[in-house]
Protein backbone atom coordinates (compact mmCIF):
# COMPACT_ATOMS: atom_id res chain seq x y z
CA MET A 1 -95.43 -18.51 -73.33
CA ASP A 2 -99.28 -18.73 -72.89
CA LYS A 3 -100.78 -21.99 -71.37
CA LEU A 4 -101.90 -23.22 -74.84
CA HIS A 5 -98.54 -23.22 -76.30
CA LEU A 6 -97.07 -24.86 -73.08
CA VAL A 7 -99.60 -27.64 -73.16
CA CYS A 8 -98.86 -28.25 -76.79
CA LEU A 9 -94.99 -28.23 -76.19
CA CYS A 10 -95.54 -30.81 -73.17
CA CYS A 11 -97.58 -33.13 -75.65
CA LEU A 12 -94.96 -32.88 -78.34
CA VAL A 13 -92.18 -33.75 -75.85
CA GLY A 14 -94.04 -36.71 -74.50
CA THR A 15 -94.60 -38.04 -77.92
CA ILE A 16 -91.02 -37.78 -78.80
CA VAL A 17 -89.86 -39.36 -75.60
CA SER A 18 -92.43 -42.25 -76.08
CA ALA A 19 -91.40 -42.83 -79.56
CA THR A 20 -87.47 -42.78 -79.07
CA SER A 21 -87.58 -44.55 -75.60
CA PRO A 22 -86.58 -48.38 -75.87
CA GLN A 23 -89.83 -50.42 -75.38
CA PRO A 24 -89.91 -53.78 -73.24
CA ALA A 25 -89.12 -56.65 -75.38
CA ALA A 26 -92.15 -58.85 -76.22
CA THR A 27 -90.59 -61.93 -74.92
CA GLU A 28 -89.81 -60.45 -71.36
CA GLN A 29 -92.92 -61.67 -70.03
CA ALA A 30 -92.80 -65.04 -71.74
CA ALA A 31 -89.16 -65.45 -70.63
CA ALA A 32 -90.48 -66.40 -67.22
CA VAL A 33 -92.11 -69.62 -68.78
CA ALA A 34 -89.44 -70.03 -71.28
CA PHE A 35 -88.14 -73.64 -71.48
CA THR A 36 -84.54 -74.28 -72.22
CA MET A 37 -84.24 -77.03 -74.91
CA VAL A 38 -81.27 -79.25 -75.53
CA THR A 39 -79.51 -79.07 -78.63
CA ALA A 40 -78.49 -82.31 -80.19
CA GLY A 41 -74.55 -82.95 -80.02
CA ASN A 42 -74.37 -80.37 -77.31
CA SER A 43 -76.10 -81.91 -74.23
CA PRO A 44 -74.79 -81.01 -70.83
CA TYR A 45 -75.40 -84.44 -69.68
CA PRO A 46 -73.93 -87.76 -70.69
CA ILE A 47 -75.17 -89.33 -73.96
CA ASN A 48 -74.66 -92.88 -72.91
CA ASP A 49 -77.25 -95.30 -71.37
CA ARG A 50 -77.04 -94.35 -67.80
CA LYS A 51 -77.54 -96.75 -64.69
CA ASN A 52 -76.51 -94.58 -61.67
CA LEU A 53 -79.39 -92.18 -61.94
CA SER A 54 -81.94 -92.65 -58.83
CA VAL A 55 -81.34 -91.39 -55.56
CA HIS A 56 -82.90 -92.23 -52.03
CA CYS A 57 -85.20 -89.84 -50.46
CA GLY A 58 -87.82 -90.16 -47.83
CA GLY A 59 -89.58 -93.65 -48.18
CA GLY A 60 -88.66 -94.19 -51.88
CA LYS A 61 -86.40 -93.09 -54.72
CA GLY A 62 -86.07 -89.77 -56.76
CA VAL A 63 -84.04 -88.33 -59.62
CA LEU A 64 -81.79 -85.36 -59.87
CA ILE A 65 -83.19 -82.89 -62.32
CA SER A 66 -80.74 -79.93 -61.67
CA PRO A 67 -77.98 -79.22 -59.08
CA HIS A 68 -80.35 -78.25 -56.22
CA TRP A 69 -83.36 -80.10 -57.37
CA VAL A 70 -84.72 -83.82 -57.00
CA LEU A 71 -88.15 -85.00 -58.31
CA THR A 72 -89.87 -87.91 -56.59
CA ALA A 73 -93.38 -89.02 -55.87
CA SER A 74 -95.12 -87.08 -53.29
CA HIS A 75 -96.33 -90.15 -51.38
CA CYS A 76 -92.71 -90.76 -50.56
CA ILE A 77 -92.27 -87.91 -48.52
CA THR A 78 -94.41 -87.82 -45.39
CA SER A 79 -95.84 -84.67 -44.06
CA GLN A 80 -94.14 -85.36 -40.66
CA LYS A 81 -90.73 -85.68 -42.18
CA ALA A 82 -91.31 -82.53 -44.33
CA LYS A 83 -92.47 -80.42 -41.38
CA THR A 84 -89.62 -81.40 -39.11
CA GLY A 85 -86.96 -81.00 -41.87
CA LYS A 86 -85.70 -84.67 -41.71
CA VAL A 87 -85.77 -85.36 -45.42
CA LYS A 88 -82.44 -86.18 -46.83
CA VAL A 89 -81.20 -87.33 -50.10
CA ARG A 90 -78.70 -90.17 -50.43
CA PHE A 91 -76.86 -91.39 -53.33
CA THR A 92 -73.59 -92.83 -54.56
CA THR A 93 -71.26 -90.69 -56.66
CA LEU A 94 -69.76 -91.47 -59.88
CA LYS A 95 -66.46 -92.33 -57.92
CA GLN A 96 -68.57 -94.63 -55.90
CA LYS A 97 -68.44 -92.53 -52.68
CA PRO A 98 -71.57 -92.14 -50.40
CA ALA A 99 -73.23 -88.73 -50.34
CA THR A 100 -76.01 -87.35 -48.33
CA ILE A 101 -77.58 -83.95 -48.60
CA ALA A 102 -80.31 -82.34 -46.40
CA VAL A 103 -83.52 -80.97 -48.00
CA ASN A 104 -84.75 -77.44 -46.99
CA LYS A 105 -87.87 -77.20 -49.16
CA VAL A 106 -90.52 -79.73 -50.28
CA LEU A 107 -93.11 -78.54 -52.97
CA ARG A 108 -95.98 -80.87 -53.79
CA HIS A 109 -98.13 -80.90 -57.05
CA LYS A 110 -101.76 -80.19 -56.35
CA THR A 111 -103.21 -83.09 -58.23
CA LYS A 112 -100.43 -85.53 -59.32
CA ASP A 113 -98.16 -87.68 -57.22
CA LEU A 114 -95.21 -85.50 -57.76
CA ALA A 115 -92.92 -83.58 -55.27
CA LEU A 116 -89.80 -81.36 -55.68
CA LEU A 117 -87.13 -81.34 -53.16
CA ARG A 118 -84.74 -78.45 -52.90
CA LEU A 119 -81.10 -79.64 -51.64
CA VAL A 120 -79.32 -77.13 -49.12
CA ARG A 121 -76.31 -77.40 -51.53
CA PRO A 122 -75.92 -78.17 -55.19
CA VAL A 123 -74.72 -81.52 -56.38
CA LYS A 124 -71.71 -81.30 -58.51
CA VAL A 125 -71.70 -82.54 -62.10
CA ASP A 126 -68.65 -84.82 -61.26
CA ASP A 127 -70.76 -86.40 -58.49
CA ARG A 128 -73.87 -86.99 -60.34
CA PRO A 129 -75.15 -85.29 -63.56
CA ALA A 130 -78.92 -84.47 -63.74
CA VAL A 131 -81.14 -85.56 -66.39
CA LEU A 132 -83.08 -84.06 -69.25
CA LEU A 133 -86.84 -83.70 -68.91
CA LEU A 134 -89.44 -84.48 -71.62
CA ARG A 135 -91.19 -81.23 -72.55
CA GLN A 136 -94.11 -82.70 -74.49
CA LYS A 137 -96.75 -85.45 -73.45
CA LEU A 138 -96.67 -88.99 -74.89
CA ASP A 139 -100.02 -90.05 -76.29
CA ARG A 140 -101.54 -93.19 -77.38
CA GLU A 141 -100.79 -92.17 -81.03
CA ASP A 142 -96.99 -92.59 -80.20
CA GLY A 143 -97.63 -96.26 -80.08
CA LYS A 144 -95.76 -98.71 -77.69
CA LEU A 145 -92.94 -97.09 -75.93
CA SER A 146 -89.64 -98.68 -74.58
CA ILE A 147 -89.26 -97.53 -71.14
CA LYS A 148 -86.25 -97.82 -68.82
CA LYS A 149 -87.05 -97.87 -65.00
CA VAL A 150 -84.27 -97.22 -62.49
CA ALA A 151 -84.18 -97.80 -58.76
CA GLY A 152 -80.85 -97.65 -56.80
CA ASN A 153 -78.13 -99.70 -59.00
CA GLN A 154 -80.98 -101.77 -60.59
CA VAL A 155 -82.17 -101.07 -63.97
CA TRP A 156 -85.03 -102.69 -65.87
CA ARG A 157 -85.01 -101.90 -69.72
CA ASP A 158 -87.41 -102.51 -72.52
CA ILE A 159 -90.46 -102.12 -70.54
CA PRO A 160 -93.54 -101.72 -72.94
CA ALA A 161 -95.57 -98.82 -71.94
CA ILE A 162 -98.09 -96.48 -73.56
CA GLY A 163 -98.97 -92.82 -73.06
CA GLY A 164 -102.31 -91.30 -72.63
CA SER A 165 -103.71 -88.35 -70.72
CA ASP A 166 -101.56 -87.40 -67.76
CA ASN A 167 -99.94 -90.88 -66.99
CA LEU A 168 -97.66 -93.61 -68.53
CA ARG A 169 -99.14 -97.13 -68.17
CA VAL A 170 -97.68 -100.61 -68.58
CA PRO A 171 -100.76 -102.55 -69.52
CA LYS A 172 -99.58 -106.20 -68.81
CA LYS A 173 -99.00 -107.06 -65.26
CA GLN A 174 -96.08 -109.52 -66.37
CA ASP A 175 -94.31 -106.44 -67.83
CA ARG A 176 -94.44 -104.36 -64.54
CA ARG A 177 -90.96 -104.82 -63.49
CA GLY A 178 -89.42 -103.25 -60.31
CA LYS A 179 -88.98 -103.91 -56.57
CA ALA A 180 -90.46 -102.75 -53.23
CA GLY A 181 -89.53 -99.20 -52.56
CA SER A 182 -88.86 -98.06 -56.08
CA SER A 183 -91.71 -95.55 -55.88
CA GLY A 184 -90.57 -92.12 -56.78
CA GLY A 185 -87.85 -93.49 -59.14
CA PRO A 186 -87.57 -92.37 -62.86
CA TRP A 187 -88.96 -93.79 -66.11
CA LEU A 188 -86.73 -92.76 -68.84
CA ILE A 189 -86.44 -93.16 -72.52
CA HIS A 190 -82.82 -93.41 -73.83
CA SER A 191 -82.32 -91.37 -76.86
CA LYS A 192 -79.22 -91.94 -79.01
CA GLU A 193 -79.45 -88.13 -79.98
CA VAL A 194 -79.56 -86.46 -76.55
CA GLY A 195 -79.21 -89.28 -73.84
CA ASP A 196 -81.53 -90.38 -71.14
CA VAL A 197 -84.81 -88.24 -70.89
CA LEU A 198 -87.08 -88.44 -67.99
CA VAL A 199 -90.62 -89.17 -68.89
CA GLY A 200 -92.28 -90.28 -65.71
CA ILE A 201 -92.01 -90.66 -61.90
CA THR A 202 -93.04 -94.17 -60.41
CA HIS A 203 -96.26 -93.99 -58.74
CA GLY A 204 -96.51 -97.95 -58.65
CA GLY A 205 -95.58 -100.74 -60.91
CA GLY A 206 -98.22 -99.98 -63.42
CA PHE A 207 -97.99 -96.36 -64.03
CA ALA A 208 -96.29 -93.25 -63.54
CA PRO A 209 -97.40 -89.49 -63.73
CA GLN A 210 -95.93 -87.84 -67.03
CA VAL A 211 -93.30 -85.22 -66.31
CA ALA A 212 -94.61 -83.32 -69.20
CA PHE A 213 -98.04 -82.93 -67.72
CA ALA A 214 -96.48 -81.19 -64.90
CA ALA A 215 -93.80 -79.29 -66.90
CA THR A 216 -95.08 -75.76 -66.16
CA TRP A 217 -95.31 -76.34 -62.39
CA ILE A 218 -91.72 -78.02 -62.38
CA HIS A 219 -90.22 -75.07 -64.34
CA GLU A 220 -91.88 -72.39 -62.32
CA SER A 221 -91.12 -74.04 -58.95
CA VAL A 222 -87.60 -74.42 -59.69
CA SER A 223 -87.18 -70.85 -61.25
CA THR A 224 -89.12 -69.35 -58.16
CA HIS A 225 -87.01 -71.00 -55.53
CA SER A 226 -83.61 -71.09 -57.06
CA ASN A 227 -81.29 -70.01 -60.11
CA ASP A 228 -81.05 -73.34 -61.44
CA ARG A 229 -81.82 -73.90 -65.17
CA LEU A 230 -83.64 -77.10 -66.27
CA ILE A 231 -82.89 -78.54 -69.77
CA TRP A 232 -85.78 -80.12 -71.60
CA ALA A 233 -85.93 -82.55 -74.65
CA THR A 234 -88.64 -82.49 -77.44
CA LYS A 235 -90.84 -85.75 -78.21
CA LYS A 236 -88.84 -85.93 -81.63
CA GLN A 237 -85.45 -85.98 -79.87
CA THR A 238 -86.61 -88.50 -77.35
CA LEU A 239 -88.38 -91.04 -79.80
CA GLY A 240 -86.10 -90.31 -82.69
CA ARG A 241 -89.25 -89.96 -85.00
């Protein structure tokens, strides 16, 4: 066989192999940033209006978002504690038993007062279920929101708040309920459809960075440093409209 025929044969084989070999799925690259959304009526977490949600960590509070991860305010975790590995998460289980778990990684958001804490061992669902996270930002167009704020065993409900840009705000000072040391605790909206949804993390009495604003950072951080899967809710599911 001469060189010309050999080249033609190679080209033909290459074309056949290219045409018949399975091609990478178009969603493979997108899968790394794909958000797992909750299905109404099939939430992995309780639907009831929960009280036992916040955990103690560093100098404030936090909330469990998956078996290995707690979301809190960055200012609650001092650099010294993070460097020396002295950060621990404490909470009371559903059976009213105290639990303490060490933290082996602290990740801070570059611009917002948010931090992720990775626990050395997972929290069992029977000890403390995690909470859903809101995927879409809340805007002024969504009107007055009814927020629930949790710190320890204390709950403040029906707090009038508004969304906008990257923060949730409580405009009137008299509505800014809470207590000292509640920074890092969750702001939630209770949905009759899917249960409690985490919408913000307490920075101070008057405002909270929106979880949805940092959704990609939260998702990619958890996916990169663990096998945990976060569960998200839509704005429609959360607000019921």
